[in-house]
Protein backbone atom coordinates (compact mmCIF):
# COMPACT_ATOMS: atom_id res chain seq x y z
CA MET A 1 -46.10 9.59 -6.31
CA ARG A 2 -44.28 12.38 -8.14
CA ILE A 3 -40.70 11.50 -9.08
CA ASN A 4 -38.04 14.15 -8.50
CA PRO A 5 -36.62 14.81 -11.98
CA ILE A 6 -33.13 15.33 -10.55
CA SER A 7 -33.12 11.63 -9.62
CA THR A 8 -33.02 10.91 -13.37
CA LEU A 9 -29.54 12.46 -13.76
CA ASN A 10 -27.00 10.05 -15.14
CA PRO A 11 -23.21 10.11 -15.57
CA ARG A 12 -23.45 10.42 -19.37
CA GLN A 13 -25.36 13.70 -19.03
CA LEU A 14 -22.82 15.06 -16.57
CA ALA A 15 -19.94 13.94 -18.79
CA ALA A 16 -21.52 15.73 -21.75
CA PHE A 17 -22.04 18.87 -19.64
CA ARG A 18 -18.42 18.82 -18.48
CA ALA A 19 -17.12 18.31 -22.01
CA VAL A 20 -19.18 21.18 -23.45
CA ILE A 21 -17.91 23.51 -20.68
CA VAL A 22 -14.32 22.58 -21.50
CA CYS A 23 -14.64 22.59 -25.31
CA GLY A 24 -17.15 25.41 -25.75
CA SER A 25 -19.29 23.54 -28.26
CA ALA A 26 -21.30 20.36 -28.68
CA THR A 27 -19.16 19.42 -31.69
CA GLY A 28 -15.94 19.65 -29.69
CA ALA A 29 -17.49 17.76 -26.79
CA GLY A 30 -18.61 15.01 -29.14
CA LYS A 31 -15.08 14.57 -30.46
CA ILE A 32 -13.49 14.07 -27.05
CA LEU A 33 -16.31 11.76 -25.88
CA HIS A 34 -16.40 9.91 -29.23
CA VAL A 35 -20.12 10.46 -29.76
CA SER A 36 -22.06 12.50 -32.30
CA GLN A 37 -22.88 16.16 -31.91
CA PRO A 38 -26.65 15.43 -31.87
CA ALA A 39 -26.10 12.96 -29.03
CA ILE A 40 -24.32 15.65 -26.99
CA THR A 41 -27.12 18.12 -27.72
CA ARG A 42 -29.71 15.57 -26.60
CA LEU A 43 -27.85 14.78 -23.36
CA ILE A 44 -27.55 18.47 -22.51
CA LYS A 45 -31.24 19.03 -23.20
CA GLU A 46 -32.18 16.08 -20.98
CA LEU A 47 -29.97 17.46 -18.22
CA GLU A 48 -31.57 20.91 -18.49
CA ILE A 49 -35.05 19.37 -18.28
CA ALA A 50 -34.05 17.32 -15.23
CA LEU A 51 -32.54 20.35 -13.49
CA GLY A 52 -35.28 22.76 -14.44
CA PHE A 53 -33.07 25.54 -15.80
CA SER A 54 -30.97 26.37 -18.85
CA LEU A 55 -27.25 25.64 -18.82
CA PHE A 56 -26.07 27.25 -22.06
CA LEU A 57 -26.79 30.14 -24.37
CA ARG A 58 -26.79 28.72 -27.87
CA ARG A 59 -24.93 30.81 -30.39
CA SER A 60 -23.63 30.16 -33.87
CA GLY A 61 -20.44 28.16 -33.52
CA GLY A 62 -20.58 27.61 -29.77
CA MET A 63 -22.38 27.31 -26.46
CA THR A 64 -21.80 29.82 -23.66
CA PRO A 65 -22.41 28.55 -20.10
CA THR A 66 -24.89 30.47 -17.98
CA ARG A 67 -23.96 31.64 -14.48
CA ASP A 68 -25.91 28.67 -13.07
CA ALA A 69 -23.88 26.33 -15.26
CA GLN A 70 -20.60 27.80 -14.02
CA ILE A 71 -21.68 27.26 -10.42
CA LEU A 72 -22.83 23.71 -11.17
CA TYR A 73 -19.57 22.93 -12.98
CA ARG A 74 -17.53 23.22 -9.77
CA ASP A 75 -19.54 20.43 -8.16
CA VAL A 76 -19.51 18.34 -11.32
CA GLU A 77 -15.70 18.57 -11.34
CA ARG A 78 -15.65 17.34 -7.75
CA TYR A 79 -17.85 14.43 -8.78
CA PHE A 80 -15.47 13.38 -11.55
CA LEU A 81 -12.41 13.88 -9.36
CA GLY A 82 -14.01 11.55 -6.83
CA LEU A 83 -14.63 8.94 -9.53
CA GLU A 84 -11.02 9.22 -10.69
CA ARG A 85 -9.78 8.59 -7.17
CA VAL A 86 -11.96 5.49 -6.86
CA VAL A 87 -10.65 4.16 -10.19
CA GLU A 88 -7.07 4.92 -9.15
CA ALA A 89 -7.54 3.18 -5.80
CA ALA A 90 -8.91 0.11 -7.55
CA ARG A 91 -5.99 0.11 -9.98
CA ASN A 92 -3.51 0.28 -7.13
CA LEU A 93 -5.20 -2.60 -5.34
CA ARG A 94 -5.25 -4.68 -8.52
CA ASN A 95 -1.58 -4.01 -9.23
CA LYS A 96 -0.55 -4.22 -5.56
CA ARG A 97 0.67 -0.64 -5.83
CA GLY A 98 1.41 1.62 -2.88
CA GLY A 99 -1.26 4.22 -3.53
CA GLN A 100 -1.53 7.88 -4.37
CA LEU A 101 -0.79 11.23 -2.75
CA ARG A 102 -2.75 14.17 -4.13
CA ILE A 103 -1.30 17.61 -3.32
CA ALA A 104 -2.60 21.10 -4.03
CA ALA A 105 0.24 23.63 -3.88
CA MET A 106 1.04 27.27 -4.60
CA PRO A 107 2.59 27.57 -8.09
CA THR A 108 5.50 29.58 -6.67
CA LEU A 109 6.94 26.32 -5.29
CA SER A 110 6.82 24.43 -8.57
CA SER A 111 10.16 25.41 -10.09
CA ARG A 112 12.50 24.06 -7.42
CA VAL A 113 11.10 23.34 -3.99
CA LEU A 114 8.39 20.85 -4.95
CA PRO A 115 10.54 18.83 -7.40
CA GLU A 116 13.24 18.47 -4.75
CA ALA A 117 10.75 17.46 -2.06
CA ILE A 118 9.06 14.96 -4.39
CA GLY A 119 12.45 13.49 -5.31
CA ARG A 120 13.30 12.91 -1.66
CA PHE A 121 9.83 11.50 -0.97
CA ARG A 122 10.04 9.07 -3.89
CA GLU A 123 13.34 7.72 -2.61
CA ARG A 124 11.41 6.50 0.44
CA PHE A 125 8.13 5.65 -1.29
CA PRO A 126 8.97 4.71 -4.92
CA GLU A 127 5.58 3.07 -5.56
CA ILE A 128 3.48 6.10 -4.62
CA ASP A 129 1.92 8.19 -7.38
CA VAL A 130 2.21 11.91 -6.61
CA ILE A 131 -0.42 14.17 -8.18
CA ILE A 132 0.31 17.91 -8.03
CA GLU A 133 -2.40 20.50 -8.61
CA SER A 134 -1.32 24.16 -8.65
CA ASP A 135 -3.71 26.81 -7.39
CA VAL A 136 -4.02 29.92 -5.26
CA SER A 137 -4.21 29.48 -1.49
CA THR A 138 -7.92 30.29 -1.19
CA ARG A 139 -8.86 27.46 -3.56
CA ILE A 140 -6.35 25.11 -1.94
CA LEU A 141 -8.17 25.59 1.37
CA ASP A 142 -11.48 24.93 -0.38
CA ALA A 143 -10.12 21.71 -1.90
CA LEU A 144 -8.99 20.53 1.54
CA ALA A 145 -12.36 21.37 3.07
CA HIS A 146 -14.02 19.18 0.44
CA ASN A 147 -11.50 16.34 0.84
CA GLU A 148 -10.38 16.67 -2.76
CA VAL A 149 -6.68 16.51 -1.84
CA ASP A 150 -4.62 14.83 0.86
CA LEU A 151 -2.33 17.78 1.48
CA GLY A 152 -2.39 21.49 0.77
CA ILE A 153 0.64 23.76 0.61
CA GLY A 154 -0.28 27.41 0.85
CA ARG A 155 -0.91 30.44 3.01
CA ILE A 156 -3.53 29.90 5.69
CA PRO A 157 -5.21 32.49 7.92
CA LEU A 158 -4.56 31.97 11.64
CA GLU A 159 -8.28 31.82 12.35
CA ARG A 160 -8.74 28.68 10.24
CA ASP A 161 -8.85 26.27 13.17
CA ASP A 162 -10.73 23.65 11.15
CA LEU A 163 -7.47 22.54 9.51
CA ASP A 164 -4.19 21.20 10.90
CA ARG A 165 -0.89 22.64 9.73
CA LEU A 166 2.87 22.25 9.75
CA ASP A 167 4.37 25.73 9.44
CA MET A 168 7.27 26.26 7.05
CA PRO A 169 10.16 28.65 7.84
CA VAL A 170 9.21 32.28 7.35
CA SER A 171 11.01 34.19 4.59
CA GLU A 172 10.51 37.75 3.38
CA ALA A 173 9.25 39.38 0.23
CA ILE A 174 11.88 40.65 -2.20
CA CYS A 175 11.93 43.26 -4.94
CA ILE A 176 12.89 42.29 -8.48
CA LEU A 177 13.86 44.86 -11.12
CA PRO A 178 14.85 44.81 -14.78
CA LYS A 179 18.59 44.74 -15.47
CA GLN A 180 20.09 48.22 -15.73
CA HIS A 181 17.13 49.78 -13.89
CA GLU A 182 17.98 53.08 -12.23
CA LEU A 183 17.07 51.68 -8.81
CA ALA A 184 19.44 48.74 -9.19
CA ARG A 185 22.26 50.84 -7.74
CA LYS A 186 20.55 50.63 -4.35
CA ASP A 187 21.22 47.77 -1.93
CA GLU A 188 17.56 47.63 -0.92
CA ILE A 189 14.34 49.04 -2.31
CA SER A 190 11.89 50.90 -0.10
CA VAL A 191 8.17 51.28 -0.70
CA GLN A 192 8.79 54.98 -1.39
CA ASP A 193 11.05 53.99 -4.31
CA LEU A 194 8.02 52.49 -6.06
CA ALA A 195 6.34 55.87 -6.52
CA GLY A 196 5.45 56.36 -10.17
CA GLN A 197 7.30 53.21 -11.23
CA PRO A 198 5.68 50.75 -13.68
CA PHE A 199 4.66 47.82 -11.50
CA VAL A 200 4.02 44.10 -11.98
CA ALA A 201 1.32 43.15 -9.47
CA LEU A 202 0.14 39.73 -8.35
CA GLY A 203 -3.44 38.51 -8.72
CA ALA A 204 -6.22 40.09 -6.67
CA SER A 205 -6.60 36.96 -4.50
CA SER A 206 -2.92 36.97 -3.47
CA LEU A 207 -2.28 37.67 0.21
CA LEU A 208 1.16 39.04 -0.70
CA ARG A 209 -0.47 41.54 -3.05
CA LEU A 210 -2.73 42.71 -0.23
CA GLN A 211 0.31 43.11 2.02
CA VAL A 212 2.14 45.16 -0.64
CA GLU A 213 -0.93 47.31 -1.24
CA ALA A 214 -1.20 47.95 2.51
CA ALA A 215 2.45 49.12 2.58
CA LEU A 216 1.79 51.41 -0.38
CA ARG A 217 -1.36 52.83 1.19
CA ILE A 218 0.27 53.50 4.58
CA SER A 219 3.15 55.30 2.86
CA GLY A 220 0.87 57.24 0.55
CA VAL A 221 2.68 55.86 -2.49
CA GLU A 222 1.11 55.24 -5.91
CA THR A 223 2.86 53.14 -8.52
CA GLY A 224 2.82 53.83 -12.25
CA SER A 225 1.26 51.69 -14.98
CA LEU A 226 0.29 48.17 -13.99
CA VAL A 227 0.73 44.67 -15.36
CA GLN A 228 -1.12 42.06 -13.32
CA THR A 229 -0.21 38.37 -13.29
CA LEU A 230 -2.04 35.71 -11.30
CA PHE A 231 0.98 33.78 -10.05
CA SER A 232 4.20 35.13 -8.54
CA ASN A 233 6.44 32.66 -10.38
CA THR A 234 5.51 34.33 -13.69
CA ALA A 235 6.31 37.86 -12.49
CA SER A 236 10.06 37.60 -13.21
CA ALA A 237 9.39 37.09 -16.93
CA TYR A 238 7.48 40.38 -17.10
CA VAL A 239 10.15 42.15 -15.05
CA ALA A 240 12.90 40.74 -17.29
CA ARG A 241 11.04 42.19 -20.29
CA GLY A 242 11.25 45.63 -18.67
CA LEU A 243 7.53 45.93 -17.94
CA GLY A 244 7.96 46.99 -14.34
CA ILE A 245 9.17 46.27 -10.82
CA ALA A 246 7.61 43.51 -8.72
CA VAL A 247 7.50 42.54 -5.06
CA VAL A 248 7.35 38.75 -4.82
CA ASP A 249 8.26 35.85 -2.56
CA VAL A 250 11.78 34.48 -2.79
CA PHE A 251 10.57 31.07 -4.04
CA SER A 252 9.17 32.65 -7.19
CA ILE A 253 12.62 33.42 -8.62
CA MET A 254 14.12 30.00 -7.97
CA GLY A 255 14.76 28.56 -11.40
CA SER A 256 14.40 31.98 -13.07
CA ASP A 257 17.05 33.49 -15.33
CA LEU A 258 18.76 35.79 -12.84
CA THR A 259 20.98 37.24 -15.56
CA ARG A 260 17.99 39.28 -16.74
CA ILE A 261 16.74 40.65 -13.41
CA GLU A 262 18.11 42.32 -10.29
CA VAL A 263 17.06 41.11 -6.83
CA ARG A 264 17.01 43.36 -3.77
CA ARG A 265 15.66 43.38 -0.24
CA PHE A 266 12.36 45.20 0.17
CA ARG A 267 11.43 47.54 3.00
CA PRO A 268 9.27 47.57 5.02
CA ARG A 269 9.83 43.87 5.63
CA ILE A 270 6.87 41.75 4.54
CA ALA A 271 6.88 38.26 6.02
CA PHE A 272 6.05 35.41 3.64
CA ASP A 273 4.72 32.46 5.60
CA PHE A 274 2.99 29.31 4.45
CA ALA A 275 2.29 25.82 5.71
CA ALA A 276 1.63 22.22 4.83
CA ILE A 277 -2.09 21.88 5.58
CA TYR A 278 -4.10 18.76 6.38
CA PRO A 279 -7.80 18.03 6.85
CA ARG A 280 -8.37 17.97 10.62
CA ASP A 281 -8.58 14.47 12.15
CA ASP A 282 -7.98 12.85 8.77
CA ARG A 283 -4.25 13.15 8.21
CA SER A 284 -2.76 10.73 5.72
CA PRO A 285 0.56 9.16 6.89
CA LEU A 286 1.88 9.76 3.36
CA ALA A 287 0.90 13.43 3.58
CA SER A 288 2.74 13.74 6.89
CA ALA A 289 5.83 12.08 5.41
CA PHE A 290 5.81 14.41 2.42
CA ALA A 291 5.35 17.48 4.64
CA ARG A 292 8.45 16.54 6.61
CA GLU A 293 10.49 16.28 3.40
CA LEU A 294 9.09 19.64 2.28
CA LEU A 295 10.06 21.22 5.60
CA ALA A 296 13.67 20.08 5.16
CA VAL A 297 13.84 21.49 1.61
CA VAL A 298 12.20 24.81 2.49
CA THR A 299 14.46 25.24 5.53
CA HIS A 300 17.55 24.85 3.33
CA GLU A 301 16.23 27.15 0.60
CA VAL A 302 15.22 29.91 3.02
CA GLU A 303 18.59 29.79 4.79
CA ASP A 304 20.33 29.94 1.42
CA SER A 305 18.25 32.90 0.23
CA ILE A 306 18.86 34.80 3.48
CA SER A 307 22.61 34.33 3.16
CA LYS A 308 22.52 35.66 -0.40
CA LEU A 309 20.34 38.63 0.47
CA THR A 310 22.70 39.51 3.30
CA LEU A 311 25.12 40.42 0.52
CA SER A 312 22.34 42.72 -0.81
CA ARG A 313 22.66 41.22 -4.27
CA ILE A 314 22.06 37.76 -5.71
């Protein structure tokens, strides 16, 4: 009987593969795994033989992963995340601890909303470990679909009926400008005002970016030179440096230095909605409890931001 070579995979090979991906070389991987460089090279070679395809292009001073390796790495990461959760669960049982809540959330919430919600949650559940992973909404949904997290906090398409959700209060996108910008004299910024202006855009996978681009396209407006940043909570730093104007969600400027930027309403109105998202039929009671705390915090913050924007200036 012919043995499937993939059945010969072992955790040491996968650990070596993961370490080389992260470090970029067998030498670096050996250092973090506390084994020799030849041992790493041997483990990678054994893994390639078992899989039947090459994982790295060997070059002087480093190893570059092939496209197949990059695809495989995503599943290897899931494997190790699963192992970590098993180890953590065992540790909690041994120490009679309360457990763990793993959350994947949009980075825009990390400066103020999430810390406040976690603080309130920990007052009720002081023994629970809270693990926060920041990512874009598309990957948050993927993590939920693969049961890698207990709770996602992000933007979810209405047609995703495979997941349950608790909707957060809807806010609206705002425009942020450098101090002393010529447009700062206006109480609100229209899409037409962006014509020819240097612009700080969000990452290509951002739903808000797509909404802004749709407004630009409908109005026939083209912005000037572009700086692109993946996450909205980093946009204010580029705006403060005078690199352009940005249209972002209101949460992204919470915790920012508002002495270096101007904040205005943006027209046409672009709704910014998001939700606490759970795997369907597998909702953790801890995830539900955290989502309720988050709802209370977001409700307060949105009401506060609306009252400030009513004055046209923050």
